[in-house]
N, C-alpha and C. Protein backbone atom coordinates (compact mmCIF):
# COMPACT_ATOMS: atom_id res chain seq x y z
N MET A 1 14.71 -15.63 -12.41
CA MET A 1 13.74 -16.62 -12.85
C MET A 1 13.02 -16.11 -14.10
N PRO A 2 12.54 -17.02 -14.92
CA PRO A 2 11.81 -16.61 -16.12
C PRO A 2 10.49 -15.90 -15.78
N ILE A 3 10.11 -15.02 -16.68
CA ILE A 3 8.84 -14.28 -16.54
C ILE A 3 7.85 -14.86 -17.55
N TYR A 4 6.62 -15.01 -17.11
CA TYR A 4 5.54 -15.53 -17.94
C TYR A 4 4.36 -14.56 -17.90
N ILE A 5 3.64 -14.51 -18.99
CA ILE A 5 2.38 -13.76 -19.05
C ILE A 5 1.26 -14.79 -19.03
N LEU A 6 0.33 -14.61 -18.12
CA LEU A 6 -0.82 -15.49 -18.03
C LEU A 6 -2.05 -14.66 -18.40
N LEU A 7 -2.61 -14.95 -19.57
CA LEU A 7 -3.84 -14.30 -20.01
C LEU A 7 -4.98 -15.24 -19.64
N SER A 8 -6.05 -14.70 -19.09
CA SER A 8 -7.14 -15.61 -18.71
C SER A 8 -8.50 -14.99 -18.95
N THR A 9 -9.45 -15.88 -19.17
CA THR A 9 -10.85 -15.50 -19.31
C THR A 9 -11.66 -16.27 -18.28
N PHE A 10 -12.77 -15.67 -17.88
CA PHE A 10 -13.66 -16.33 -16.94
C PHE A 10 -14.42 -17.47 -17.60
N THR A 11 -14.63 -18.52 -16.85
CA THR A 11 -15.62 -19.53 -17.24
C THR A 11 -16.97 -19.01 -16.77
N HIS A 12 -18.03 -19.71 -17.11
CA HIS A 12 -19.36 -19.34 -16.63
C HIS A 12 -19.39 -19.33 -15.10
N GLU A 13 -18.76 -20.34 -14.50
CA GLU A 13 -18.71 -20.42 -13.04
C GLU A 13 -17.93 -19.25 -12.45
N GLY A 14 -16.88 -18.82 -13.13
CA GLY A 14 -16.09 -17.68 -12.67
C GLY A 14 -16.89 -16.40 -12.68
N VAL A 15 -17.67 -16.19 -13.72
CA VAL A 15 -18.52 -15.00 -13.79
C VAL A 15 -19.51 -15.00 -12.63
N GLU A 16 -20.13 -16.14 -12.36
CA GLU A 16 -21.08 -16.23 -11.25
C GLU A 16 -20.39 -15.94 -9.92
N ALA A 17 -19.19 -16.44 -9.73
CA ALA A 17 -18.45 -16.20 -8.48
C ALA A 17 -18.17 -14.72 -8.28
N VAL A 18 -17.81 -14.02 -9.34
CA VAL A 18 -17.50 -12.60 -9.24
C VAL A 18 -18.77 -11.78 -8.99
N ILE A 19 -19.85 -12.17 -9.62
CA ILE A 19 -21.12 -11.47 -9.39
C ILE A 19 -21.53 -11.62 -7.92
N ASP A 20 -21.36 -12.82 -7.37
CA ASP A 20 -21.71 -13.06 -5.97
C ASP A 20 -20.75 -12.38 -5.00
N ASN A 21 -19.46 -12.28 -5.37
CA ASN A 21 -18.45 -11.75 -4.46
C ASN A 21 -17.32 -11.09 -5.26
N PRO A 22 -17.49 -9.82 -5.67
CA PRO A 22 -16.47 -9.16 -6.49
C PRO A 22 -15.08 -9.11 -5.85
N SER A 23 -15.01 -9.08 -4.54
CA SER A 23 -13.70 -9.01 -3.89
C SER A 23 -12.90 -10.31 -4.05
N CYS A 24 -13.53 -11.36 -4.54
CA CYS A 24 -12.80 -12.61 -4.78
C CYS A 24 -11.73 -12.42 -5.84
N LEU A 25 -11.85 -11.37 -6.64
CA LEU A 25 -10.84 -11.08 -7.66
C LEU A 25 -9.47 -10.85 -7.03
N ARG A 26 -9.43 -10.30 -5.83
CA ARG A 26 -8.16 -10.07 -5.14
C ARG A 26 -7.49 -11.39 -4.74
N GLU A 27 -8.28 -12.42 -4.62
CA GLU A 27 -7.75 -13.71 -4.19
C GLU A 27 -7.09 -14.49 -5.32
N ILE A 28 -7.33 -14.09 -6.55
CA ILE A 28 -6.77 -14.82 -7.69
C ILE A 28 -5.25 -14.86 -7.61
N SER A 29 -4.62 -13.71 -7.39
CA SER A 29 -3.16 -13.67 -7.31
C SER A 29 -2.65 -14.50 -6.14
N MET A 30 -3.33 -14.42 -5.00
CA MET A 30 -2.91 -15.21 -3.84
C MET A 30 -3.01 -16.70 -4.13
N ASP A 31 -4.08 -17.10 -4.82
CA ASP A 31 -4.23 -18.52 -5.19
C ASP A 31 -3.11 -18.96 -6.12
N ILE A 32 -2.77 -18.11 -7.08
CA ILE A 32 -1.70 -18.44 -8.01
C ILE A 32 -0.37 -18.54 -7.26
N GLU A 33 -0.11 -17.60 -6.36
CA GLU A 33 1.15 -17.63 -5.60
C GLU A 33 1.24 -18.87 -4.71
N ASN A 34 0.12 -19.32 -4.20
CA ASN A 34 0.12 -20.53 -3.37
C ASN A 34 0.51 -21.77 -4.16
N LEU A 35 0.58 -21.64 -5.49
CA LEU A 35 1.01 -22.75 -6.35
C LEU A 35 2.52 -22.73 -6.59
N GLY A 36 3.23 -21.78 -5.95
CA GLY A 36 4.68 -21.80 -6.01
C GLY A 36 5.35 -20.83 -6.96
N VAL A 37 4.63 -19.78 -7.36
CA VAL A 37 5.21 -18.76 -8.22
C VAL A 37 4.97 -17.39 -7.58
N THR A 38 5.52 -16.36 -8.19
CA THR A 38 5.31 -15.00 -7.70
C THR A 38 4.55 -14.20 -8.75
N VAL A 39 3.45 -13.60 -8.33
CA VAL A 39 2.69 -12.72 -9.23
C VAL A 39 3.28 -11.32 -9.09
N LEU A 40 3.85 -10.83 -10.17
CA LEU A 40 4.47 -9.50 -10.15
C LEU A 40 3.45 -8.40 -10.39
N GLN A 41 2.48 -8.67 -11.26
CA GLN A 41 1.43 -7.71 -11.58
C GLN A 41 0.16 -8.46 -11.93
N GLN A 42 -0.99 -7.81 -11.67
CA GLN A 42 -2.28 -8.36 -12.09
C GLN A 42 -3.11 -7.20 -12.62
N TYR A 43 -3.69 -7.41 -13.80
CA TYR A 43 -4.52 -6.38 -14.41
C TYR A 43 -5.83 -7.00 -14.89
N ALA A 44 -6.91 -6.26 -14.73
CA ALA A 44 -8.16 -6.60 -15.40
C ALA A 44 -8.10 -5.91 -16.75
N THR A 45 -8.57 -6.59 -17.79
CA THR A 45 -8.48 -6.04 -19.14
C THR A 45 -9.84 -6.08 -19.82
N LEU A 46 -9.97 -5.27 -20.84
CA LEU A 46 -11.15 -5.25 -21.68
C LEU A 46 -10.78 -5.91 -23.00
N GLY A 47 -11.67 -6.68 -23.54
CA GLY A 47 -11.37 -7.32 -24.81
C GLY A 47 -11.43 -8.83 -24.69
N GLN A 48 -10.55 -9.50 -25.42
CA GLN A 48 -10.58 -10.95 -25.53
C GLN A 48 -10.28 -11.65 -24.20
N TYR A 49 -9.43 -11.04 -23.36
CA TYR A 49 -9.06 -11.64 -22.08
C TYR A 49 -9.54 -10.78 -20.93
N ASP A 50 -9.88 -11.41 -19.83
CA ASP A 50 -10.38 -10.70 -18.66
C ASP A 50 -9.26 -10.25 -17.73
N PHE A 51 -8.15 -11.00 -17.70
CA PHE A 51 -7.04 -10.69 -16.79
C PHE A 51 -5.71 -10.95 -17.45
N VAL A 52 -4.72 -10.19 -17.00
CA VAL A 52 -3.33 -10.42 -17.34
C VAL A 52 -2.56 -10.51 -16.02
N HIS A 53 -1.84 -11.59 -15.86
CA HIS A 53 -0.94 -11.74 -14.71
C HIS A 53 0.49 -11.84 -15.25
N VAL A 54 1.38 -11.10 -14.64
CA VAL A 54 2.80 -11.20 -14.95
C VAL A 54 3.40 -12.03 -13.82
N ILE A 55 3.97 -13.18 -14.18
CA ILE A 55 4.37 -14.17 -13.19
C ILE A 55 5.85 -14.50 -13.30
N ASP A 56 6.49 -14.61 -12.15
CA ASP A 56 7.87 -15.05 -12.05
C ASP A 56 7.82 -16.50 -11.57
N ALA A 57 8.33 -17.41 -12.39
CA ALA A 57 8.30 -18.84 -12.05
C ALA A 57 9.66 -19.46 -12.34
N PRO A 58 10.01 -20.52 -11.64
CA PRO A 58 11.34 -21.11 -11.83
C PRO A 58 11.58 -21.74 -13.19
N ASP A 59 10.52 -22.29 -13.82
CA ASP A 59 10.74 -22.99 -15.08
C ASP A 59 9.41 -23.28 -15.77
N ASN A 60 9.49 -23.78 -17.00
CA ASN A 60 8.29 -24.08 -17.79
C ASN A 60 7.42 -25.13 -17.12
N GLU A 61 8.04 -26.11 -16.49
CA GLU A 61 7.27 -27.18 -15.84
C GLU A 61 6.40 -26.63 -14.71
N THR A 62 6.95 -25.69 -13.95
CA THR A 62 6.19 -25.11 -12.85
C THR A 62 5.00 -24.31 -13.37
N ILE A 63 5.23 -23.48 -14.38
CA ILE A 63 4.13 -22.67 -14.90
C ILE A 63 3.09 -23.54 -15.60
N ALA A 64 3.51 -24.65 -16.19
CA ALA A 64 2.56 -25.59 -16.79
C ALA A 64 1.66 -26.19 -15.70
N ARG A 65 2.26 -26.54 -14.57
CA ARG A 65 1.48 -27.07 -13.45
C ARG A 65 0.51 -26.02 -12.93
N VAL A 66 0.97 -24.77 -12.81
CA VAL A 66 0.10 -23.68 -12.36
C VAL A 66 -1.08 -23.53 -13.31
N SER A 67 -0.82 -23.54 -14.60
CA SER A 67 -1.89 -23.40 -15.59
C SER A 67 -2.91 -24.53 -15.46
N MET A 68 -2.43 -25.76 -15.28
CA MET A 68 -3.34 -26.89 -15.14
C MET A 68 -4.16 -26.81 -13.85
N GLU A 69 -3.54 -26.34 -12.79
CA GLU A 69 -4.27 -26.16 -11.52
C GLU A 69 -5.38 -25.12 -11.70
N ILE A 70 -5.08 -24.04 -12.41
CA ILE A 70 -6.08 -23.00 -12.65
C ILE A 70 -7.24 -23.57 -13.46
N VAL A 71 -6.94 -24.32 -14.50
CA VAL A 71 -7.99 -24.94 -15.31
C VAL A 71 -8.84 -25.87 -14.45
N ALA A 72 -8.19 -26.67 -13.60
CA ALA A 72 -8.91 -27.64 -12.77
C ALA A 72 -9.88 -26.98 -11.80
N ARG A 73 -9.61 -25.76 -11.41
CA ARG A 73 -10.50 -25.06 -10.47
C ARG A 73 -11.78 -24.59 -11.14
N GLY A 74 -11.78 -24.51 -12.47
CA GLY A 74 -13.01 -24.23 -13.20
C GLY A 74 -13.48 -22.79 -13.22
N ILE A 75 -12.65 -21.85 -12.81
CA ILE A 75 -13.07 -20.45 -12.77
C ILE A 75 -12.45 -19.64 -13.92
N LEU A 76 -11.21 -19.97 -14.26
CA LEU A 76 -10.50 -19.26 -15.31
C LEU A 76 -10.00 -20.24 -16.38
N LYS A 77 -9.91 -19.74 -17.60
CA LYS A 77 -9.26 -20.48 -18.69
C LYS A 77 -8.01 -19.69 -19.06
N PRO A 78 -6.82 -20.22 -18.74
CA PRO A 78 -5.60 -19.46 -18.99
C PRO A 78 -4.93 -19.77 -20.32
N LEU A 79 -4.17 -18.80 -20.77
CA LEU A 79 -3.23 -18.95 -21.87
C LEU A 79 -1.90 -18.45 -21.33
N THR A 80 -0.90 -19.31 -21.30
CA THR A 80 0.38 -18.97 -20.69
C THR A 80 1.42 -18.72 -21.78
N LEU A 81 2.12 -17.60 -21.65
CA LEU A 81 3.13 -17.21 -22.64
C LEU A 81 4.47 -17.00 -21.95
N PRO A 82 5.51 -17.72 -22.38
CA PRO A 82 6.85 -17.42 -21.87
C PRO A 82 7.32 -16.11 -22.49
N THR A 83 8.20 -15.40 -21.80
CA THR A 83 8.70 -14.14 -22.32
C THR A 83 10.21 -14.17 -22.48
N VAL A 84 10.71 -13.25 -23.28
CA VAL A 84 12.13 -13.01 -23.44
C VAL A 84 12.32 -11.51 -23.29
N SER A 85 13.24 -11.09 -22.43
CA SER A 85 13.47 -9.65 -22.29
C SER A 85 13.93 -9.08 -23.62
N ILE A 86 13.65 -7.83 -23.83
CA ILE A 86 14.04 -7.19 -25.08
C ILE A 86 15.55 -7.24 -25.26
N ASN A 87 16.31 -7.00 -24.21
CA ASN A 87 17.77 -7.05 -24.32
C ASN A 87 18.25 -8.43 -24.73
N ASP A 88 17.71 -9.46 -24.13
CA ASP A 88 18.09 -10.82 -24.50
C ASP A 88 17.68 -11.13 -25.94
N PHE A 89 16.51 -10.66 -26.32
CA PHE A 89 16.01 -10.89 -27.67
C PHE A 89 16.93 -10.23 -28.70
N ILE A 90 17.30 -8.98 -28.45
CA ILE A 90 18.19 -8.26 -29.35
C ILE A 90 19.56 -8.95 -29.41
N SER A 91 20.07 -9.36 -28.26
CA SER A 91 21.35 -10.06 -28.22
C SER A 91 21.30 -11.33 -29.05
N ARG A 92 20.23 -12.07 -28.92
CA ARG A 92 20.09 -13.33 -29.67
C ARG A 92 20.02 -13.05 -31.16
N LEU A 93 19.31 -12.00 -31.55
CA LEU A 93 19.24 -11.65 -32.97
C LEU A 93 20.61 -11.26 -33.49
N SER A 94 21.36 -10.53 -32.69
CA SER A 94 22.70 -10.10 -33.10
C SER A 94 23.63 -11.29 -33.22
N LEU A 95 23.53 -12.24 -32.29
CA LEU A 95 24.37 -13.43 -32.35
C LEU A 95 24.06 -14.30 -33.57
N ASP A 96 22.79 -14.38 -33.90
CA ASP A 96 22.37 -15.22 -35.03
C ASP A 96 22.82 -14.63 -36.37
N ARG A 97 23.18 -13.37 -36.42
CA ARG A 97 23.58 -12.74 -37.68
C ARG A 97 25.08 -12.88 -37.94
N ARG A 98 25.81 -13.34 -36.94
CA ARG A 98 27.25 -13.49 -37.12
C ARG A 98 27.55 -14.64 -38.08
N PRO A 99 28.56 -14.44 -38.95
CA PRO A 99 28.91 -15.51 -39.91
C PRO A 99 29.53 -16.71 -39.25
């Protein structure tokens, strides 16, 4: 299945939820998985984004639905990025150079 990177930042409501109950952060991955994808990794980050999730999803439509569900909950604002493995990327570059 395709791998996606989900970068997210807290909304004001999300910050309040974490201040009230820091352990709710562990529930984020479970909530995402309940939407029909697999969370491979979850990281808290410093800088522009608060979290990085590495997600295995069947297709773009599924991850788009997951992103919209996350937005609708009002706690996180996600940015979803599809990925290409380095090997596939190199192969595609090599194929494109053929005459």
